[in-house]
Amino acid sequence: MNIYRITKTQYVNDLSGEGARLFGGRWNKPGDGMIYFSQNLSLCLLEIIVHVDYAALPLDYSFLEVEIPDSSIKNIQSIDFIEPKWSTEAAVNKLQMLGSSWLKKKESLAMRVPSAVMHHENNILVNPSHKDFGKLKIIKIGKMDFDPRLLR
């Protein structure tokens, strides 16, 4: 399966998970390295847009397309048990504990999780310290070309 990531151009080749380690994310606590991908390039863009003011959207973004073996991806069964509702900001601490626990167990290279932005689409979390990390194959790196209408 091919997965995608959009990041500032200066970090497009950085697959260390360092940014998530330093600052944490929806699915990891600070101190735990993780790389966030999506199943679609368009979902990557939505995931960025929800965190950035349109008017301040920097134009120095690039994308990365990576191939990962389907067998390396764990499917999360359900997170509907998480209260408050898993997609709210109030649930982030519980999601971070779940994701950081998965990282430490190293049971799979990647985990498919629902997107809080588009519940019917998925993000793919990658564990950069997993023994199979070398199975990721970079397919393409390119500069993002944003439609100016996004900045209205």
Protein backbone atom coordinates (compact mmCIF):
# COMPACT_ATOMS: atom_id res chain seq x y z
CA MET A 1 0.00 0.00 0.00
CA ASN A 2 1.16 3.55 -0.66
CA ILE A 3 0.87 6.12 2.10
CA TYR A 4 1.48 9.87 2.11
CA ARG A 5 2.92 12.60 4.27
CA ILE A 6 3.04 16.38 3.85
CA THR A 7 5.63 18.32 5.81
CA LYS A 8 7.66 21.47 5.58
CA THR A 9 10.15 21.00 2.78
CA GLN A 10 13.17 21.17 5.09
CA TYR A 11 11.90 18.03 6.91
CA VAL A 12 10.67 15.96 3.95
CA ASN A 13 13.61 13.53 4.20
CA ASP A 14 13.41 13.25 7.98
CA LEU A 15 11.80 9.94 8.90
CA SER A 16 13.05 9.89 12.47
CA GLY A 17 9.78 10.83 14.17
CA GLU A 18 11.68 13.59 15.97
CA GLY A 19 9.01 16.28 15.57
CA ALA A 20 6.36 14.07 17.16
CA ARG A 21 8.87 13.02 19.83
CA LEU A 22 9.54 16.63 20.76
CA PHE A 23 5.98 17.92 20.70
CA GLY A 24 3.68 14.91 20.86
CA GLY A 25 0.63 14.51 18.68
CA ARG A 26 -2.89 13.16 18.74
CA TRP A 27 -1.55 9.59 18.93
CA ASN A 28 1.74 9.94 20.83
CA LYS A 29 2.99 11.53 24.02
CA PRO A 30 5.99 13.88 23.93
CA GLY A 31 9.11 11.74 24.21
CA ASP A 32 7.82 9.02 21.87
CA GLY A 33 8.85 9.24 18.21
CA MET A 34 6.16 8.55 15.61
CA ILE A 35 5.66 9.40 11.96
CA TYR A 36 2.19 10.41 10.80
CA PHE A 37 1.05 9.39 7.30
CA SER A 38 -2.35 9.24 5.63
CA GLN A 39 -3.88 6.87 3.10
CA ASN A 40 -4.48 9.80 0.74
CA LEU A 41 -2.51 12.92 -0.09
CA SER A 42 -5.70 14.98 0.15
CA LEU A 43 -6.26 13.80 3.74
CA CYS A 44 -2.72 14.92 4.58
CA LEU A 45 -3.64 18.38 3.35
CA LEU A 46 -6.83 18.46 5.44
CA GLU A 47 -4.85 17.36 8.50
CA ILE A 48 -2.53 20.37 8.01
CA ILE A 49 -5.27 22.87 7.21
CA VAL A 50 -7.12 22.21 10.49
CA HIS A 51 -4.01 23.30 12.39
CA VAL A 52 -2.99 26.36 10.36
CA ASP A 53 -4.69 29.67 9.72
CA TYR A 54 -5.38 29.79 5.99
CA ALA A 55 -3.87 33.26 5.67
CA ALA A 56 -0.70 32.07 7.37
CA LEU A 57 -0.38 28.79 5.42
CA PRO A 58 3.27 28.63 4.44
CA LEU A 59 3.95 27.58 0.90
CA ASP A 60 7.15 25.67 1.65
CA TYR A 61 5.58 22.21 1.96
CA SER A 62 6.54 19.00 0.20
CA PHE A 63 5.00 15.56 0.10
CA LEU A 64 6.37 12.08 0.47
CA GLU A 65 4.84 8.95 -1.00
CA VAL A 66 5.98 5.73 0.65
CA GLU A 67 5.20 2.09 0.00
CA ILE A 68 4.61 -0.10 3.04
CA PRO A 69 3.73 -3.81 3.06
CA ASP A 70 0.03 -4.28 3.92
CA SER A 71 1.03 -7.04 6.33
CA SER A 72 3.02 -4.48 8.38
CA ILE A 73 -0.08 -2.44 9.24
CA LYS A 74 -2.14 -3.23 12.32
CA ASN A 75 -5.81 -2.36 12.03
CA ILE A 76 -7.21 -0.85 15.18
CA GLN A 77 -10.47 -2.69 15.90
CA SER A 78 -12.44 0.11 17.51
CA ILE A 79 -11.82 3.20 19.57
CA ASP A 80 -15.48 3.94 20.17
CA PHE A 81 -15.02 2.87 23.80
CA ILE A 82 -12.93 5.97 24.49
CA GLU A 83 -14.80 8.63 26.44
CA PRO A 84 -15.15 11.47 25.82
CA LYS A 85 -15.63 10.83 22.09
CA TRP A 86 -12.26 9.84 20.62
CA SER A 87 -12.21 12.58 17.95
CA THR A 88 -12.51 15.45 20.43
CA GLU A 89 -9.60 17.37 21.93
CA ALA A 90 -10.73 16.16 25.36
CA ALA A 91 -9.79 12.57 24.38
CA VAL A 92 -6.26 13.34 23.16
CA ASN A 93 -4.60 12.18 26.40
CA LYS A 94 -6.23 8.74 26.08
CA LEU A 95 -5.27 8.47 22.41
CA GLN A 96 -1.70 9.44 23.24
CA MET A 97 -1.52 6.69 25.87
CA LEU A 98 -2.91 4.16 23.37
CA GLY A 99 -0.47 5.20 20.62
CA SER A 100 2.57 5.43 22.89
CA SER A 101 1.77 2.00 24.33
CA TRP A 102 1.61 0.58 20.78
CA LEU A 103 5.00 2.19 19.98
CA LYS A 104 6.67 0.64 23.02
CA LYS A 105 5.27 -2.86 22.33
CA LYS A 106 6.68 -2.73 18.76
CA GLU A 107 4.05 -5.26 17.70
CA SER A 108 3.75 -3.80 14.20
CA LEU A 109 5.55 -1.32 11.97
CA ALA A 110 2.38 0.72 11.42
CA MET A 111 -1.13 1.16 12.74
CA ARG A 112 -4.19 2.32 10.80
CA VAL A 113 -6.34 4.76 12.80
CA PRO A 114 -9.35 6.88 11.84
CA SER A 115 -8.80 10.52 11.06
CA ALA A 116 -10.43 12.98 13.45
CA VAL A 117 -10.88 15.32 10.46
CA MET A 118 -12.51 12.72 8.16
CA HIS A 119 -13.79 9.83 10.29
CA HIS A 120 -14.25 7.51 7.30
CA GLU A 121 -10.64 7.91 6.15
CA ASN A 122 -7.50 6.73 7.86
CA ASN A 123 -4.14 7.92 9.01
CA ILE A 124 -1.25 5.50 9.22
CA LEU A 125 1.03 5.79 12.24
CA VAL A 126 4.56 4.50 11.69
CA ASN A 127 6.96 3.41 14.40
CA PRO A 128 10.44 4.60 13.34
CA SER A 129 12.11 2.33 15.92
CA HIS A 130 10.42 -0.88 14.71
CA LYS A 131 12.72 -3.62 13.40
CA ASP A 132 10.93 -3.60 10.01
CA PHE A 133 11.31 0.16 9.45
CA GLY A 134 13.65 -0.58 6.53
CA LYS A 135 10.70 -2.10 4.65
CA LEU A 136 9.38 1.39 3.94
CA LYS A 137 10.20 2.29 0.35
CA ILE A 138 10.21 5.92 -0.77
CA ILE A 139 8.31 6.15 -4.05
CA LYS A 140 8.20 9.88 -4.66
CA ILE A 141 9.09 13.23 -3.11
CA GLY A 142 7.62 16.40 -4.54
CA LYS A 143 6.86 20.02 -3.81
CA MET A 144 3.28 20.80 -2.82
CA ASP A 145 1.55 23.17 -5.17
CA PHE A 146 -1.30 24.74 -3.21
CA ASP A 147 -4.31 26.10 -5.05
CA PRO A 148 -4.48 29.82 -4.13
CA ARG A 149 -8.21 29.41 -3.40
CA LEU A 150 -7.21 27.59 -0.20
CA LEU A 151 -5.82 30.88 1.07
CA ARG A 152 -9.05 32.86 0.77
